[in-house]
C-alpha atoms as a PDB file:
ATOM      1  CA  MET A   1     -12.845  11.596  -3.200  1.00  0.00           C
ATOM      2  CA  GLU A   2     -15.013  10.401  -6.305  1.00  0.00           C
ATOM      3  CA  SER A   3     -11.812  10.787  -8.585  1.00  0.00           C
ATOM      4  CA  GLN A   4      -9.603   9.094  -6.021  1.00  0.00           C
ATOM      5  CA  SER A   5     -12.240   5.983  -5.891  1.00  0.00           C
ATOM      6  CA  ALA A   6     -11.947   6.372  -9.519  1.00  0.00           C
ATOM      7  CA  LEU A   7      -8.387   6.042  -9.727  1.00  0.00           C
ATOM      8  CA  ILE A   8      -8.078   3.132  -7.460  1.00  0.00           C
ATOM      9  CA  GLU A   9     -10.772   1.209  -9.249  1.00  0.00           C
ATOM     10  CA  GLN A  10      -8.561   1.613 -12.701  1.00  0.00           C
ATOM     11  CA  SER A  11      -5.811   0.386 -10.420  1.00  0.00           C
ATOM     12  CA  PHE A  12      -6.940  -3.049 -10.481  1.00  0.00           C
ATOM     13  CA  ASP A  13      -9.397  -2.910 -13.442  1.00  0.00           C
ATOM     14  CA  GLY A  14      -6.929  -1.598 -15.765  1.00  0.00           C
ATOM     15  CA  ARG A  15      -4.311  -4.134 -15.107  1.00  0.00           C
ATOM     16  CA  TYR A  16      -6.372  -7.098 -13.988  1.00  0.00           C
ATOM     17  CA  SER A  17      -8.998  -9.036 -15.100  1.00  0.00           C
ATOM     18  CA  ARG A  18     -12.526  -8.324 -13.277  1.00  0.00           C
ATOM     19  CA  HIS A  19     -12.013 -11.483 -11.551  1.00  0.00           C
ATOM     20  CA  VAL A  20      -8.763 -10.712  -9.397  1.00  0.00           C
ATOM     21  CA  ARG A  21     -10.955  -9.561  -6.507  1.00  0.00           C
ATOM     22  CA  ASP A  22     -12.568 -13.042  -5.934  1.00  0.00           C
ATOM     23  CA  ALA A  23      -9.666 -14.935  -6.311  1.00  0.00           C
ATOM     24  CA  LEU A  24      -7.829 -12.886  -3.738  1.00  0.00           C
ATOM     25  CA  ASP A  25     -10.511 -13.150  -1.274  1.00  0.00           C
ATOM     26  CA  GLU A  26     -10.357 -16.416  -1.451  1.00  0.00           C
ATOM     27  CA  LEU A  27      -6.655 -16.731  -0.224  1.00  0.00           C
ATOM     28  CA  PRO A  28      -6.450 -17.391   3.484  1.00  0.00           C
ATOM     29  CA  ASP A  29      -3.721 -14.971   4.205  1.00  0.00           C
ATOM     30  CA  ASN A  30      -3.746 -11.060   5.663  1.00  0.00           C
ATOM     31  CA  PHE A  31      -2.336  -8.753   3.310  1.00  0.00           C
ATOM     32  CA  THR A  32      -3.133  -5.305   1.642  1.00  0.00           C
ATOM     33  CA  ILE A  33      -2.319  -3.640  -1.646  1.00  0.00           C
ATOM     34  CA  THR A  34      -1.214  -0.256  -2.149  1.00  0.00           C
ATOM     35  CA  ASP A  35      -0.607   1.885  -5.267  1.00  0.00           C
ATOM     36  CA  PRO A  36       2.126   4.546  -5.309  1.00  0.00           C
ATOM     37  CA  CYS A  37       1.499   5.873  -8.533  1.00  0.00           C
ATOM     38  CA  ILE A  38      -1.899   7.571  -6.993  1.00  0.00           C
ATOM     39  CA  CYS A  39      -1.279  10.071  -4.428  1.00  0.00           C
ATOM     40  CA  GLY A  40      -0.951   9.299  -1.044  1.00  0.00           C
ATOM     41  CA  HIS A  41       0.637   5.586  -1.697  1.00  0.00           C
ATOM     42  CA  PRO A  42      -3.282   4.331  -0.752  1.00  0.00           C
ATOM     43  CA  ILE A  43      -4.344   0.562   0.344  1.00  0.00           C
ATOM     44  CA  VAL A  44      -6.393  -0.363  -2.963  1.00  0.00           C
ATOM     45  CA  PHE A  45      -6.914  -3.853  -1.858  1.00  0.00           C
ATOM     46  CA  ALA A  46      -7.462  -5.351   1.404  1.00  0.00           C
ATOM     47  CA  SER A  47      -8.112  -9.240   1.883  1.00  0.00           C
ATOM     48  CA  ARG A  48     -10.823 -10.709   4.219  1.00  0.00           C
ATOM     49  CA  GLY A  49      -8.444 -12.006   6.643  1.00  0.00           C
ATOM     50  CA  PHE A  50      -6.960  -8.763   6.918  1.00  0.00           C
ATOM     51  CA  LEU A  51     -10.309  -7.066   7.561  1.00  0.00           C
ATOM     52  CA  LYS A  52     -11.233  -9.322  10.385  1.00  0.00           C
ATOM     53  CA  MET A  53      -7.538  -9.104  11.920  1.00  0.00           C
ATOM     54  CA  SER A  54      -7.568  -5.224  11.857  1.00  0.00           C
ATOM     55  CA  GLY A  55     -11.224  -4.871  12.570  1.00  0.00           C
ATOM     56  CA  TYR A  56     -11.840  -2.611  10.001  1.00  0.00           C
ATOM     57  CA  SER A  57     -14.066  -2.775   7.084  1.00  0.00           C
ATOM     58  CA  ARG A  58     -12.851  -2.527   3.361  1.00  0.00           C
ATOM     59  CA  GLU A  59     -14.528   1.160   2.793  1.00  0.00           C
ATOM     60  CA  GLU A  60     -12.557   2.038   5.578  1.00  0.00           C
ATOM     61  CA  VAL A  61      -9.015   1.109   4.521  1.00  0.00           C
ATOM     62  CA  LEU A  62      -9.488   1.602   0.905  1.00  0.00           C
ATOM     63  CA  GLY A  63      -7.937   4.853  -0.015  1.00  0.00           C
ATOM     64  CA  ARG A  64      -6.040   5.445   3.017  1.00  0.00           C
ATOM     65  CA  ASN A  65      -2.578   4.941   3.645  1.00  0.00           C
ATOM     66  CA  GLY A  66      -1.347   2.028   5.641  1.00  0.00           C
ATOM     67  CA  ARG A  67      -0.380   4.634   8.446  1.00  0.00           C
ATOM     68  CA  ILE A  68      -3.615   4.691  10.114  1.00  0.00           C
ATOM     69  CA  PHE A  69      -2.715   1.247  11.367  1.00  0.00           C
ATOM     70  CA  GLN A  70       0.379   3.033  13.734  1.00  0.00           C
ATOM     71  CA  GLY A  71       0.141   4.144  17.064  1.00  0.00           C
ATOM     72  CA  PRO A  72       1.608   5.137  20.138  1.00  0.00           C
ATOM     73  CA  ALA A  73       3.795   2.434  20.496  1.00  0.00           C
ATOM     74  CA  THR A  74       4.635   1.898  16.602  1.00  0.00           C
ATOM     75  CA  ASP A  75       8.319   2.041  16.500  1.00  0.00           C
ATOM     76  CA  ARG A  76       9.383   5.137  14.352  1.00  0.00           C
ATOM     77  CA  ARG A  77      13.076   3.410  13.266  1.00  0.00           C
ATOM     78  CA  SER A  78      10.606   0.506  11.889  1.00  0.00           C
ATOM     79  CA  VAL A  79       8.358   2.732  10.093  1.00  0.00           C
ATOM     80  CA  MET A  80      11.678   4.270   8.238  1.00  0.00           C
ATOM     81  CA  GLU A  81      13.056   1.108   7.452  1.00  0.00           C
ATOM     82  CA  ILE A  82       9.476   0.686   5.405  1.00  0.00           C
ATOM     83  CA  ARG A  83       9.763   3.601   3.849  1.00  0.00           C
ATOM     84  CA  GLU A  84      13.242   2.896   2.553  1.00  0.00           C
ATOM     85  CA  ALA A  85      12.009  -0.111   1.109  1.00  0.00           C
ATOM     86  CA  ILE A  86       9.814   1.612  -0.409  1.00  0.00           C
ATOM     87  CA  ARG A  87      12.176   3.978  -2.022  1.00  0.00           C
ATOM     88  CA  GLU A  88      14.759   1.360  -3.319  1.00  0.00           C
ATOM     89  CA  GLU A  89      12.057  -0.940  -4.310  1.00  0.00           C
ATOM     90  CA  ARG A  90      12.485  -4.053  -2.592  1.00  0.00           C
ATOM     91  CA  PRO A  91      11.464  -6.172  -0.078  1.00  0.00           C
ATOM     92  CA  LEU A  92      11.526  -6.113   3.651  1.00  0.00           C
ATOM     93  CA  GLN A  93      10.696  -8.478   6.573  1.00  0.00           C
ATOM     94  CA  ILE A  94      10.330  -6.878   9.866  1.00  0.00           C
ATOM     95  CA  SER A  95       8.783  -7.253  13.292  1.00  0.00           C
ATOM     96  CA  LEU A  96       6.530  -4.218  13.806  1.00  0.00           C
ATOM     97  CA  LEU A  97       3.635  -3.300  16.151  1.00  0.00           C
ATOM     98  CA  ASN A  98       0.924  -2.012  14.582  1.00  0.00           C
ATOM     99  CA  TYR A  99      -2.966  -1.425  16.350  1.00  0.00           C
ATOM    100  CA  ARG A 100      -6.596  -2.437  15.376  1.00  0.00           C
ATOM    101  CA  LYS A 101      -9.887  -0.569  15.128  1.00  0.00           C
ATOM    102  CA  ASP A 102     -10.579  -0.696  18.612  1.00  0.00           C
ATOM    103  CA  GLY A 103      -6.995   0.412  19.317  1.00  0.00           C
ATOM    104  CA  THR A 104      -5.755  -3.123  21.067  1.00  0.00           C
ATOM    105  CA  PRO A 105      -2.239  -3.427  20.053  1.00  0.00           C
ATOM    106  CA  LEU A 106      -0.729  -6.279  17.695  1.00  0.00           C
ATOM    107  CA  TRP A 107       2.750  -7.476  17.298  1.00  0.00           C
ATOM    108  CA  MET A 108       3.073  -8.769  13.135  1.00  0.00           C
ATOM    109  CA  LEU A 109       5.885  -9.856  10.891  1.00  0.00           C
ATOM    110  CA  PHE A 110       5.479  -7.360   8.307  1.00  0.00           C
ATOM    111  CA  HIS A 111       6.465  -8.504   4.998  1.00  0.00           C
ATOM    112  CA  MET A 112       6.536  -6.199   1.728  1.00  0.00           C
ATOM    113  CA  SER A 113       7.590  -7.128  -1.711  1.00  0.00           C
ATOM    114  CA  PRO A 114       7.240  -4.518  -5.027  1.00  0.00           C
ATOM    115  CA  VAL A 115       4.837  -6.133  -8.013  1.00  0.00           C
ATOM    116  CA  PHE A 116       6.619  -4.852 -11.010  1.00  0.00           C
ATOM    117  CA  ASP A 117       5.442  -3.842 -14.344  1.00  0.00           C
ATOM    118  CA  ARG A 118       6.757  -6.238 -17.250  1.00  0.00           C
ATOM    119  CA  ASP A 119       7.318  -4.001 -20.198  1.00  0.00           C
ATOM    120  CA  GLY A 120       8.151  -0.941 -18.364  1.00  0.00           C
ATOM    121  CA  GLY A 121       9.799  -2.578 -15.263  1.00  0.00           C
ATOM    122  CA  ALA A 122       8.069   0.136 -12.879  1.00  0.00           C
ATOM    123  CA  VAL A 123       6.417  -0.388  -9.931  1.00  0.00           C
ATOM    124  CA  ALA A 124       3.010  -1.410 -10.224  1.00  0.00           C
ATOM    125  CA  HIS A 125       1.748  -1.983  -6.460  1.00  0.00           C
ATOM    126  CA  PHE A 126       3.447  -2.921  -3.235  1.00  0.00           C
ATOM    127  CA  VAL A 127       2.130  -6.501  -1.594  1.00  0.00           C
ATOM    128  CA  ALA A 128       2.134  -6.397   2.470  1.00  0.00           C
ATOM    129  CA  VAL A 129       1.767  -9.327   4.165  1.00  0.00           C
ATOM    130  CA  GLN A 130       0.892  -9.619   8.155  1.00  0.00           C
ATOM    131  CA  VAL A 131       1.302 -12.536   9.848  1.00  0.00           C
ATOM    132  CA  PRO A 132       0.455 -12.266  13.976  1.00  0.00           C
ATOM    133  CA  ILE A 133       3.399 -12.978  16.176  1.00  0.00           C
ATOM    134  CA  SER A 134       2.129 -15.986  18.256  1.00  0.00           C
ATOM    135  CA  ARG A 135       3.004 -15.795  21.909  1.00  0.00           C
ATOM    136  CA  ARG A 136       5.045 -18.852  22.628  1.00  0.00           C
ATOM    137  CA  TRP A 137       4.958 -19.841  26.071  1.00  0.00           C
ATOM    138  CA  GLY A 138       9.030 -20.072  27.618  1.00  0.00           C
ATOM    139  CA  ARG A 139       9.658 -16.754  26.188  1.00  0.00           C
ATOM    140  CA  SER A 140       9.590 -13.623  27.965  1.00  0.00           C
ATOM    141  CA  CYS A 141       6.252 -12.788  29.021  1.00  0.00           C
ATOM    142  CA  SER A 142       6.858 -10.491  32.050  1.00  0.00           C
ATOM    143  CA  ALA A 143       4.870  -7.867  31.598  1.00  0.00           C
ATOM    144  CA  ASN A 144       4.874  -5.793  35.433  1.00  0.00           C
ATOM    145  CA  GLY A 145       1.961  -3.764  36.120  1.00  0.00           C
ATOM    146  CA  ARG A 146       2.262  -0.602  38.672  1.00  0.00           C
ATOM    147  CA  ASN A 147       2.762  -3.105  41.792  1.00  0.00           C
ATOM    148  CA  GLY A 148       4.801  -5.543  39.556  1.00  0.00           C
ATOM    149  CA  VAL A 149       2.124  -8.244  39.664  1.00  0.00           C
ATOM    150  CA  ASN A 150       2.881 -10.275  36.754  1.00  0.00           C
ATOM    151  CA  LEU A 151      -0.656 -11.560  35.131  1.00  0.00           C
ATOM    152  CA  CYS A 152       1.289 -13.452  32.330  1.00  0.00           C
ATOM    153  CA  GLU A 153       0.237 -17.165  33.497  1.00  0.00           C
ATOM    154  CA  GLU A 154      -2.666 -19.184  33.187  1.00  0.00           C
ATOM    155  CA  VAL A 155      -5.758 -18.102  34.933  1.00  0.00           C
ATOM    156  CA  GLY A 156      -8.856 -19.964  33.486  1.00  0.00           C
ATOM    157  CA  GLY A 157      -9.686 -20.044  29.511  1.00  0.00           C
ATOM    158  CA  ALA A 158     -10.126 -16.393  29.387  1.00  0.00           C
ATOM    159  CA  LEU A 159      -6.330 -15.062  29.920  1.00  0.00           C
ATOM    160  CA  ARG A 160      -5.088 -18.227  27.913  1.00  0.00           C
ATOM    161  CA  ASP A 161      -7.334 -16.639  24.641  1.00  0.00           C
ATOM    162  CA  VAL A 162      -6.042 -13.070  25.126  1.00  0.00           C
ATOM    163  CA  VAL A 163      -2.237 -13.868  25.932  1.00  0.00           C
ATOM    164  CA  LEU A 164      -2.371 -16.799  23.070  1.00  0.00           C
ATOM    165  CA  GLY A 165      -3.850 -14.145  20.280  1.00  0.00           C
ATOM    166  CA  SER A 166      -0.887 -12.062  19.571  1.00  0.00           C
ATOM    167  CA  CYS A 167       2.626 -11.345  21.312  1.00  0.00           C
ATOM    168  CA  ARG A 168       2.167  -8.227  23.156  1.00  0.00           C
ATOM    169  CA  ARG A 169       2.753  -7.068  27.142  1.00  0.00           C
ATOM    170  CA  GLU A 170      -0.339  -7.270  29.234  1.00  0.00           C
ATOM    171  CA  VAL A 171      -1.299  -4.151  31.436  1.00  0.00           C
ATOM    172  CA  CYS A 172      -1.551  -5.758  34.835  1.00  0.00           C
ATOM    173  CA  SER A 173      -3.981  -5.214  37.785  1.00  0.00           C
ATOM    174  CA  ASP A 174      -3.359  -4.347  41.292  1.00  0.00           C
ATOM    175  CA  SER A 175      -4.332  -7.856  42.476  1.00  0.00           C
ATOM    176  CA  LEU A 176      -6.473 -10.801  41.090  1.00  0.00           C
ATOM    177  CA  ALA A 177      -9.049 -10.020  43.574  1.00  0.00           C
ATOM    178  CA  GLU A 178      -9.454  -6.567  41.934  1.00  0.00           C
ATOM    179  CA  LEU A 179     -10.422  -8.828  38.495  1.00  0.00           C
ATOM    180  CA  GLY A 180     -12.244 -10.514  40.788  1.00  0.00           C
ATOM    181  CA  ARG A 181     -14.668  -7.859  41.874  1.00  0.00           C
ATOM    182  CA  VAL A 182     -15.687  -7.663  37.825  1.00  0.00           C
ATOM    183  CA  SER A 183     -18.106  -9.652  36.929  1.00  0.00           C
ATOM    184  CA  ALA A 184     -16.718  -9.517  33.195  1.00  0.00           C
ATOM    185  CA  PHE A 185     -13.728 -10.062  33.719  1.00  0.00           C
ATOM    186  CA  GLY A 186     -12.268 -10.677  30.003  1.00  0.00           C
ATOM    187  CA  SER A 187     -13.919  -7.625  28.663  1.00  0.00           C
ATOM    188  CA  VAL A 188     -11.571  -5.330  31.451  1.00  0.00           C
ATOM    189  CA  LEU A 189      -8.978  -7.262  30.393  1.00  0.00           C
ATOM    190  CA  ASP A 190      -9.217  -6.186  26.759  1.00  0.00           C
ATOM    191  CA  SER A 191     -10.193  -2.741  28.057  1.00  0.00           C
ATOM    192  CA  ASP A 192      -6.994  -2.556  29.593  1.00  0.00           C
ATOM    193  CA  SER A 193      -4.794  -4.049  27.207  1.00  0.00           C
ATOM    194  CA  ARG A 194      -5.849  -1.030  25.017  1.00  0.00           C
ATOM    195  CA  GLY A 195      -3.348   1.069  27.160  1.00  0.00           C
ATOM    196  CA  ILE A 196       0.081  -1.184  27.146  1.00  0.00           C
ATOM    197  CA  GLU A 197       3.270  -0.154  26.292  1.00  0.00           C
ATOM    198  CA  ALA A 198       5.410  -2.569  24.244  1.00  0.00           C
ATOM    199  CA  GLU A 199       8.804  -1.351  24.332  1.00  0.00           C
ATOM    200  CA  GLU A 200      10.778  -4.624  23.683  1.00  0.00           C
ATOM    201  CA  PRO A 201       9.606  -5.646  20.289  1.00  0.00           C
ATOM    202  CA  CYS A 202       8.853  -9.827  19.697  1.00  0.00           C
ATOM    203  CA  GLU A 203      10.815 -11.441  17.332  1.00  0.00           C
ATOM    204  CA  ALA A 204       9.068 -13.715  14.472  1.00  0.00           C
ATOM    205  CA  SER A 205       9.654 -17.300  14.349  1.00  0.00           C
ATOM    206  CA  ASP A 206      11.005 -19.222  11.283  1.00  0.00           C
ATOM    207  CA  SER A 207       7.702 -20.923  10.630  1.00  0.00           C
ATOM    208  CA  ASP A 208       6.153 -16.812  10.944  1.00  0.00           C
ATOM    209  CA  LYS A 209       8.602 -15.882   8.192  1.00  0.00           C
ATOM    210  CA  ARG A 210       8.246 -19.323   6.027  1.00  0.00           C
ATOM    211  CA  ARG A 211       4.498 -18.359   6.110  1.00  0.00           C
ATOM    212  CA  ALA A 212       4.872 -14.961   5.269  1.00  0.00           C
ATOM    213  CA  ALA A 213       7.152 -15.723   2.079  1.00  0.00           C
ATOM    214  CA  SER A 214       4.333 -18.428   1.133  1.00  0.00           C
ATOM    215  CA  ALA A 215       1.811 -15.927   1.237  1.00  0.00           C
ATOM    216  CA  ILE A 216       3.881 -13.445  -1.010  1.00  0.00           C
ATOM    217  CA  SER A 217       4.068 -16.028  -3.729  1.00  0.00           C
ATOM    218  CA  HIS A 218       0.263 -17.418  -3.748  1.00  0.00           C
ATOM    219  CA  ILE A 219      -0.328 -13.424  -4.001  1.00  0.00           C
ATOM    220  CA  MET A 220       2.407 -12.945  -6.940  1.00  0.00           C
ATOM    221  CA  SER A 221       1.218 -15.979  -8.625  1.00  0.00           C
ATOM    222  CA  VAL A 222      -2.669 -14.644  -8.624  1.00  0.00           C
ATOM    223  CA  LEU A 223      -1.585 -11.144  -9.799  1.00  0.00           C
ATOM    224  CA  THR A 224       0.526 -12.439 -12.250  1.00  0.00           C
ATOM    225  CA  HIS A 225      -1.976 -14.839 -13.459  1.00  0.00           C
ATOM    226  CA  TYR A 226      -5.259 -12.029 -13.845  1.00  0.00           C
ATOM    227  CA  SER A 227      -2.735  -9.394 -15.850  1.00  0.00           C
ATOM    228  CA  GLU A 228      -2.555 -11.939 -18.419  1.00  0.00           C
ATOM    229  CA  THR A 229      -5.305 -11.215 -20.070  1.00  0.00           C
ATOM    230  CA  THR A 230      -5.415  -7.748 -20.086  1.00  0.00           C
ATOM    231  CA  GLY A 231      -2.043  -8.083 -21.388  1.00  0.00           C
ATOM    232  CA  ARG A 232      -0.475  -6.099 -19.007  1.00  0.00           C
ATOM    233  CA  LEU A 233       1.690  -8.183 -17.213  1.00  0.00           C
ATOM    234  CA  VAL A 234       3.584  -7.894 -13.719  1.00  0.00           C
ATOM    235  CA  TYR A 235       6.146  -9.909 -12.103  1.00  0.00           C
ATOM    236  CA  GLY A 236       8.030 -10.032  -8.810  1.00  0.00           C
ATOM    237  CA  LYS A 237      10.885  -9.340  -9.717  1.00  0.00           C
ATOM    238  CA  ARG A 238      12.003  -6.192 -12.606  1.00  0.00           C
ATOM    239  CA  CYS A 239      12.230  -7.081 -16.215  1.00  0.00           C
ATOM    240  CA  LEU A 240      13.798  -4.264 -17.484  1.00  0.00           C
ATOM    241  CA  CYS A 241      13.337  -3.358 -21.682  1.00  0.00           C
ATOM    242  CA  PRO A 242      15.986  -1.881 -23.491  1.00  0.00           C
ATOM    243  CA  GLY A 243      15.887   1.354 -23.299  1.00  0.00           C
ATOM    244  CA  SER A 244      13.256   1.936 -20.386  1.00  0.00           C
ATOM    245  CA  SER A 245      13.688   4.014 -17.489  1.00  0.00           C
ATOM    246  CA  PRO A 246      11.058   3.933 -15.298  1.00  0.00           C
ATOM    247  CA  LEU A 247      11.156   6.287 -12.258  1.00  0.00           C
ATOM    248  CA  SER A 248      11.202   5.309  -8.646  1.00  0.00           C
ATOM    249  CA  SER A 249       8.412   4.854  -6.462  1.00  0.00           C
ATOM    250  CA  SER A 250      10.076   7.491  -4.379  1.00  0.00           C
ATOM    251  CA  VAL A 251       9.700   9.898  -7.011  1.00  0.00           C
ATOM    252  CA  ILE A 252       6.695   9.105  -8.096  1.00  0.00           C
ATOM    253  CA  ILE A 253       5.178   9.047  -4.849  1.00  0.00           C
ATOM    254  CA  SER A 254       6.502  12.871  -4.224  1.00  0.00           C
ATOM    255  CA  LEU A 255       5.186  13.938  -7.723  1.00  0.00           C
ATOM    256  CA  GLY A 256       1.941  12.490  -6.332  1.00  0.00           C
ATOM    257  CA  ARG A 257       1.822  15.469  -3.934  1.00  0.00           C
ATOM    258  CA  ILE A 258       1.739  18.210  -6.788  1.00  0.00           C
ATOM    259  CA  LYS A 259      -1.727  18.781  -7.167  1.00  0.00           C
ATOM    260  CA  GLN A 260      -1.726  20.767 -10.713  1.00  0.00           C
ATOM    261  CA  SER A 261      -2.264  19.072 -13.781  1.00  0.00           C
ATOM    262  CA  PHE A 262       0.848  17.730 -15.511  1.00  0.00           C
ATOM    263  CA  VAL A 263       2.632  15.011 -17.863  1.00  0.00           C
ATOM    264  CA  LEU A 264       6.407  13.754 -17.816  1.00  0.00           C
ATOM    265  CA  THR A 265       8.159  12.472 -20.980  1.00  0.00           C
ATOM    266  CA  ASP A 266      11.125  11.173 -21.575  1.00  0.00           C
ATOM    267  CA  VAL A 267      13.224  12.369 -24.427  1.00  0.00           C
ATOM    268  CA  HIS A 268      15.793   9.899 -24.551  1.00  0.00           C
ATOM    269  CA  LEU A 269      13.267   7.342 -25.676  1.00  0.00           C
ATOM    270  CA  PRO A 270      11.913   7.028 -28.781  1.00  0.00           C
ATOM    271  CA  ASP A 271       8.738   9.297 -29.941  1.00  0.00           C
ATOM    272  CA  MET A 272       9.410  10.552 -26.313  1.00  0.00           C
ATOM    273  CA  PRO A 273       6.782   9.350 -24.264  1.00  0.00           C
ATOM    274  CA  ILE A 274       4.280  10.050 -21.424  1.00  0.00           C
ATOM    275  CA  ILE A 275       6.514   8.290 -18.381  1.00  0.00           C
ATOM    276  CA  TYR A 276       4.076   9.841 -15.502  1.00  0.00           C
ATOM    277  CA  ALA A 277       0.861  11.723 -15.372  1.00  0.00           C
ATOM    278  CA  SER A 278      -0.581  13.401 -12.169  1.00  0.00           C
ATOM    279  CA  ASP A 279      -4.118  12.614 -11.000  1.00  0.00           C
ATOM    280  CA  ALA A 280      -5.635  16.056 -11.938  1.00  0.00           C
ATOM    281  CA  PHE A 281      -4.107  15.562 -15.872  1.00  0.00           C
ATOM    282  CA  LEU A 282      -6.064  11.993 -15.710  1.00  0.00           C
ATOM    283  CA  LYS A 283      -9.479  13.729 -13.960  1.00  0.00           C
ATOM    284  CA  LEU A 284      -9.042  16.711 -16.460  1.00  0.00           C
ATOM    285  CA  THR A 285      -8.544  14.499 -19.667  1.00  0.00           C
ATOM    286  CA  GLY A 286     -10.585  11.787 -18.755  1.00  0.00           C
ATOM    287  CA  TYR A 287      -7.967   9.300 -19.507  1.00  0.00           C
ATOM    288  CA  SER A 288      -7.007   6.344 -16.998  1.00  0.00           C
ATOM    289  CA  ARG A 289      -3.223   6.193 -16.151  1.00  0.00           C
ATOM    290  CA  HIS A 290      -2.698   3.005 -18.489  1.00  0.00           C
ATOM    291  CA  GLU A 291      -4.192   4.583 -21.366  1.00  0.00           C
ATOM    292  CA  VAL A 292      -1.524   7.890 -21.550  1.00  0.00           C
ATOM    293  CA  LEU A 293       2.144   6.235 -19.929  1.00  0.00           C
ATOM    294  CA  GLY A 294       3.724   5.090 -22.685  1.00  0.00           C
ATOM    295  CA  ARG A 295       2.014   7.247 -25.342  1.00  0.00           C
ATOM    296  CA  ASN A 296       3.145  10.386 -27.438  1.00  0.00           C
ATOM    297  CA  CYS A 297       1.511  13.426 -26.227  1.00  0.00           C
ATOM    298  CA  ARG A 298       0.201  14.206 -29.947  1.00  0.00           C
ATOM    299  CA  PHE A 299      -2.645  11.722 -29.321  1.00  0.00           C
ATOM    300  CA  LEU A 300      -4.348  14.695 -27.556  1.00  0.00           C
ATOM    301  CA  ASN A 301      -4.387  17.029 -30.320  1.00  0.00           C
ATOM    302  CA  GLY A 302      -7.825  16.940 -32.645  1.00  0.00           C
ATOM    303  CA  MET A 303      -8.722  19.112 -35.567  1.00  0.00           C
ATOM    304  CA  ASP A 304      -8.759  22.167 -33.665  1.00  0.00           C
ATOM    305  CA  THR A 305      -5.578  21.949 -32.284  1.00  0.00           C
ATOM    306  CA  ASP A 306      -3.334  24.576 -33.304  1.00  0.00           C
ATOM    307  CA  SER A 307      -0.677  23.945 -35.720  1.00  0.00           C
ATOM    308  CA  SER A 308       1.309  27.072 -34.867  1.00  0.00           C
ATOM    309  CA  ALA A 309       1.296  26.153 -31.314  1.00  0.00           C
ATOM    310  CA  LEU A 310       2.172  22.478 -31.860  1.00  0.00           C
ATOM    311  CA  PHE A 311       5.461  24.048 -34.085  1.00  0.00           C
ATOM    312  CA  GLN A 312       6.307  26.156 -31.306  1.00  0.00           C
ATOM    313  CA  ILE A 313       6.442  23.393 -28.069  1.00  0.00           C
ATOM    314  CA  LYS A 314       8.383  21.121 -31.072  1.00  0.00           C
ATOM    315  CA  GLU A 315      10.811  23.852 -31.423  1.00  0.00           C
ATOM    316  CA  CYS A 316      11.479  24.602 -27.620  1.00  0.00           C
ATOM    317  CA  ILE A 317      12.038  20.758 -27.465  1.00  0.00           C
ATOM    318  CA  ARG A 318      14.684  20.798 -29.745  1.00  0.00           C
ATOM    319  CA  ASN A 319      16.683  23.656 -28.650  1.00  0.00           C
ATOM    320  CA  ARG A 320      16.150  22.332 -25.047  1.00  0.00           C
ATOM    321  CA  GLU A 321      13.931  25.931 -23.983  1.00  0.00           C
ATOM    322  CA  PRO A 322      11.175  26.318 -21.517  1.00  0.00           C
ATOM    323  CA  CYS A 323       7.833  26.397 -23.385  1.00  0.00           C
ATOM    324  CA  THR A 324       4.497  28.348 -22.449  1.00  0.00           C
ATOM    325  CA  GLU A 325       1.759  27.710 -25.161  1.00  0.00           C
ATOM    326  CA  GLY A 326      -1.925  27.720 -25.351  1.00  0.00           C
ATOM    327  CA  TRP A 327      -3.406  24.856 -27.346  1.00  0.00           C
ATOM    328  CA  LYS A 328      -6.468  23.153 -27.674  1.00  0.00           C
ATOM    329  CA  SER A 329      -6.696  19.334 -26.749  1.00  0.00           C
ATOM    330  CA  VAL A 330      -8.997  16.516 -27.622  1.00  0.00           C
ATOM    331  CA  LEU A 331     -10.501  14.979 -24.227  1.00  0.00           C
ATOM    332  CA  GLU A 332     -11.810  11.534 -24.149  1.00  0.00           C
ATOM    333  CA  SER A 333     -15.238  12.097 -23.202  1.00  0.00           C
ATOM    334  CA  THR A 334     -15.634  16.013 -24.272  1.00  0.00           C
ATOM    335  CA  PRO A 335     -15.118  18.011 -27.910  1.00  0.00           C
ATOM    336  CA  HIS A 336     -12.247  19.733 -26.453  1.00  0.00           C
ATOM    337  CA  ILE A 337      -9.876  21.725 -23.932  1.00  0.00           C
ATOM    338  CA  THR A 338      -8.256  24.929 -24.340  1.00  0.00           C
ATOM    339  CA  ARG A 339      -4.973  24.635 -22.172  1.00  0.00           C
ATOM    340  CA  SER A 340      -1.748  26.911 -21.663  1.00  0.00           C
END
C-alpha cells in the first residue's frame, strides 16, 4: 500500500501546487476526485463536506474505489451508466442511492465530470459531486411498513429531522405505541432505517442540478488555477494538440489491472514517446508518472547500457517484429538495473 499511497500523492503533487488541497477543502461542496491512471481507479481526494456526509474519515476513503459507498439497494443500472460515462469520458448527472458508513442509505444527485490534461488531451482525473436530494413535502412519502402503517408525517421534531435529512423510504413500525415503549425514539428510528428498501428512485430538483453544476465549475476553476504553477494545465474540456493520441480512460483502467512492469509507446508520434507506464514500472524505476509520459525510452539508458542490445531493439521496431532483449537501464535513485 505504500506504493499506492505514493502514487496517490504524486497524482496531486505532480500536477498541482501544494496549496491545492487547502483550497479544495475551503469549498463547501461534497465531492471526490479519482485518478483513472492508478490501478483500481481510486479516490485521491475527498472534501470535508463529503467526509461529513458519508461518515468516513479521509484515511478510510483515499485509495479506495467509489464502489465502497454502494449497497444492496443501489441500482445496478445506475452503476453501469456511471461506468459507461467513464469509458466515454463524458459528464454525467444521475440520481443514485449510496450508503453512509453506518449503513444508512442516502439518495443523492451524482454529478461526474472529467478533468483533461491540456497537452496530451488525456483524462487526468474525474470529479464527482454528490448533492443530497432533500425530501420535498407533497411528493411521494408513502413508505409502508409490514402492517401498512405510514409514519411519513410529522411526529415531533425528531422525525421531522430524519425525514428532511434525505430522500428515502422509512421503515415503519407496527404502531406509534410500539415506538413509545422505547425511550430513545430517535436512535431506534435511525437503527430501523438501516434496513430500508428504496425501490423507487428520488428525482433531483432543478435547484439540486444547478447546485451540482455550480460546484463542478468551482472545483474546475481551483484545479485549473493550481495547475498553472506546475505548468501541467488541466481543463474541463479536452484540448487535443496536433498529433496527440491519448489513451481512453477505459483502456487505462483495464491496463491498470496488469501487475507486470511495462510501458506503451506510440510509433505514430514524433520520437515514439511513452503514452502509458504501469504502476509496477514506476515502482521499479522510481520515476513518477509525469516524469515518464511523453519521453522516449532512451532516457532510461546509461553508460553501462549495451549498445548492441539497443541496436537490436531499434531493428525490431523498424521491421515491426517482436523483441526480447536483456538490457541495463539507469534507475532514478540507484546505479542500474538489468532487465529483459
